[in-house]
Amino acid sequence: MNLPKFKTELERQLWLAIQAEGISHRQLCRLSGVDQGLLSNWKHGRCGLSTRVVDALAQTLGLVLARKTDLTQRPAKRRTTQAGGKSRGKSVQ
């Protein structure tokens, strides 16, 4: 299988998930409400997908957006405060 050229890693992962599901593009479009021509144009690199279209496809396929790293490995951000306890809205690590 030749992978199309994708502009983002998210597009590549979405494409792989569609292929792994084994669902036809026609059926995926019918179930998700996405225009079949739009999906075809995306597959051939002629256009990108809006977040709404990505969301519709992801929901239909049962996909979720997740971090690559475990959240417990990331340092917590702390907010700095001015005198009087008012936050300046800046975070430090």
C-alpha atoms as a PDB file:
ATOM      1  CA  MET A   1       0.000   0.000   0.000  1.00  0.00           C
ATOM      2  CA  ASN A   2       1.407   3.374  -0.986  1.00  0.00           C
ATOM      3  CA  LEU A   3       0.765   6.075   1.571  1.00  0.00           C
ATOM      4  CA  PRO A   4      -0.340   9.431   0.222  1.00  0.00           C
ATOM      5  CA  LYS A   5       1.802  12.429   1.160  1.00  0.00           C
ATOM      6  CA  PHE A   6       0.332  14.074   4.240  1.00  0.00           C
ATOM      7  CA  LYS A   7       1.013  17.533   5.601  1.00  0.00           C
ATOM      8  CA  THR A   8       0.722  16.511   9.260  1.00  0.00           C
ATOM      9  CA  GLU A   9       1.322  13.502  11.477  1.00  0.00           C
ATOM     10  CA  LEU A  10      -2.338  13.632  12.526  1.00  0.00           C
ATOM     11  CA  GLU A  11      -3.441  13.216   8.895  1.00  0.00           C
ATOM     12  CA  ARG A  12      -1.110  10.239   8.487  1.00  0.00           C
ATOM     13  CA  GLN A  13      -2.472   8.578  11.628  1.00  0.00           C
ATOM     14  CA  LEU A  14      -6.059   9.221  10.533  1.00  0.00           C
ATOM     15  CA  TRP A  15      -5.358   7.641   7.152  1.00  0.00           C
ATOM     16  CA  LEU A  16      -3.818   4.568   8.788  1.00  0.00           C
ATOM     17  CA  ALA A  17      -6.804   4.247  11.131  1.00  0.00           C
ATOM     18  CA  ILE A  18      -9.205   4.407   8.166  1.00  0.00           C
ATOM     19  CA  GLN A  19      -7.246   1.685   6.385  1.00  0.00           C
ATOM     20  CA  ALA A  20      -7.041  -0.493   9.507  1.00  0.00           C
ATOM     21  CA  GLU A  21     -10.806  -0.268  10.023  1.00  0.00           C
ATOM     22  CA  GLY A  22     -11.369  -1.951   6.663  1.00  0.00           C
ATOM     23  CA  ILE A  23     -14.389   0.231   5.931  1.00  0.00           C
ATOM     24  CA  SER A  24     -15.042   1.500   2.406  1.00  0.00           C
ATOM     25  CA  HIS A  25     -14.678   5.230   1.854  1.00  0.00           C
ATOM     26  CA  ARG A  26     -18.275   5.337   0.642  1.00  0.00           C
ATOM     27  CA  GLN A  27     -19.543   3.751   3.859  1.00  0.00           C
ATOM     28  CA  LEU A  28     -17.281   5.921   6.043  1.00  0.00           C
ATOM     29  CA  CYS A  29     -18.609   9.047   4.349  1.00  0.00           C
ATOM     30  CA  ARG A  30     -22.204   7.906   4.708  1.00  0.00           C
ATOM     31  CA  LEU A  31     -21.791   7.124   8.416  1.00  0.00           C
ATOM     32  CA  SER A  32     -19.822  10.298   9.230  1.00  0.00           C
ATOM     33  CA  GLY A  33     -21.677  12.749   6.998  1.00  0.00           C
ATOM     34  CA  VAL A  34     -18.447  13.714   5.213  1.00  0.00           C
ATOM     35  CA  ASP A  35     -18.633  14.434   1.485  1.00  0.00           C
ATOM     36  CA  GLN A  36     -17.079  11.585  -0.515  1.00  0.00           C
ATOM     37  CA  GLY A  37     -15.433  14.007  -2.947  1.00  0.00           C
ATOM     38  CA  LEU A  38     -13.759  15.822  -0.065  1.00  0.00           C
ATOM     39  CA  LEU A  39     -12.341  12.572   1.298  1.00  0.00           C
ATOM     40  CA  SER A  40     -11.099  11.630  -2.159  1.00  0.00           C
ATOM     41  CA  ASN A  41      -9.470  15.037  -2.670  1.00  0.00           C
ATOM     42  CA  TRP A  42      -7.768  14.742   0.737  1.00  0.00           C
ATOM     43  CA  LYS A  43      -6.553  11.234  -0.069  1.00  0.00           C
ATOM     44  CA  HIS A  44      -4.965  12.543  -3.284  1.00  0.00           C
ATOM     45  CA  GLY A  45      -3.361  15.539  -1.563  1.00  0.00           C
ATOM     46  CA  ARG A  46      -5.550  18.146  -3.243  1.00  0.00           C
ATOM     47  CA  CYS A  47      -6.912  19.589   0.004  1.00  0.00           C
ATOM     48  CA  GLY A  48      -6.690  19.392   3.771  1.00  0.00           C
ATOM     49  CA  LEU A  49      -9.401  18.491   6.253  1.00  0.00           C
ATOM     50  CA  SER A  50     -11.072  20.908   8.641  1.00  0.00           C
ATOM     51  CA  THR A  51     -11.180  20.079  12.330  1.00  0.00           C
ATOM     52  CA  ARG A  52     -14.914  19.404  11.989  1.00  0.00           C
ATOM     53  CA  VAL A  53     -14.307  16.795   9.290  1.00  0.00           C
ATOM     54  CA  VAL A  54     -11.463  15.200  11.273  1.00  0.00           C
ATOM     55  CA  ASP A  55     -13.762  15.102  14.304  1.00  0.00           C
ATOM     56  CA  ALA A  56     -16.602  13.485  12.331  1.00  0.00           C
ATOM     57  CA  LEU A  57     -14.276  10.826  10.935  1.00  0.00           C
ATOM     58  CA  ALA A  58     -12.650  10.199  14.318  1.00  0.00           C
ATOM     59  CA  GLN A  59     -16.009   9.813  16.068  1.00  0.00           C
ATOM     60  CA  THR A  60     -17.229   7.403  13.412  1.00  0.00           C
ATOM     61  CA  LEU A  61     -14.056   5.325  13.765  1.00  0.00           C
ATOM     62  CA  GLY A  62     -14.050   5.509  17.577  1.00  0.00           C
ATOM     63  CA  LEU A  63     -10.754   7.413  17.703  1.00  0.00           C
ATOM     64  CA  VAL A  64      -9.564   9.842  20.374  1.00  0.00           C
ATOM     65  CA  LEU A  65      -6.756  12.375  20.426  1.00  0.00           C
ATOM     66  CA  ALA A  66      -4.090  11.386  22.962  1.00  0.00           C
ATOM     67  CA  ARG A  67      -0.592  12.434  23.975  1.00  0.00           C
ATOM     68  CA  LYS A  68       2.367  10.322  22.994  1.00  0.00           C
ATOM     69  CA  THR A  69       3.875  10.667  26.466  1.00  0.00           C
ATOM     70  CA  ASP A  70       2.305   9.894  29.792  1.00  0.00           C
ATOM     71  CA  LEU A  71       0.947  12.978  31.549  1.00  0.00           C
ATOM     72  CA  THR A  72       2.624  11.985  34.817  1.00  0.00           C
ATOM     73  CA  GLN A  73       6.031  12.431  33.176  1.00  0.00           C
ATOM     74  CA  ARG A  74       5.409  16.101  32.388  1.00  0.00           C
ATOM     75  CA  PRO A  75       6.366  18.712  34.988  1.00  0.00           C
ATOM     76  CA  ALA A  76       3.449  20.637  36.471  1.00  0.00           C
ATOM     77  CA  LYS A  77       3.178  24.310  35.575  1.00  0.00           C
ATOM     78  CA  ARG A  78       2.943  26.735  38.461  1.00  0.00           C
ATOM     79  CA  ARG A  79       1.438  30.194  38.270  1.00  0.00           C
ATOM     80  CA  THR A  80       3.368  33.160  39.610  1.00  0.00           C
ATOM     81  CA  THR A  81       1.615  35.816  41.637  1.00  0.00           C
ATOM     82  CA  GLN A  82       2.168  39.481  42.351  1.00  0.00           C
ATOM     83  CA  ALA A  83       2.018  41.029  45.819  1.00  0.00           C
ATOM     84  CA  GLY A  84      -1.508  40.665  47.110  1.00  0.00           C
ATOM     85  CA  GLY A  85      -1.936  37.237  45.528  1.00  0.00           C
ATOM     86  CA  LYS A  86      -3.091  38.414  42.073  1.00  0.00           C
ATOM     87  CA  SER A  87      -1.976  36.210  39.221  1.00  0.00           C
ATOM     88  CA  ARG A  88      -0.020  37.766  36.356  1.00  0.00           C
ATOM     89  CA  GLY A  89      -1.144  34.958  34.087  1.00  0.00           C
ATOM     90  CA  LYS A  90       2.380  33.687  33.413  1.00  0.00           C
ATOM     91  CA  SER A  91       3.497  30.161  34.102  1.00  0.00           C
ATOM     92  CA  VAL A  92       6.941  29.019  35.074  1.00  0.00           C
ATOM     93  CA  GLN A  93       8.459  25.567  34.896  1.00  0.00           C
END
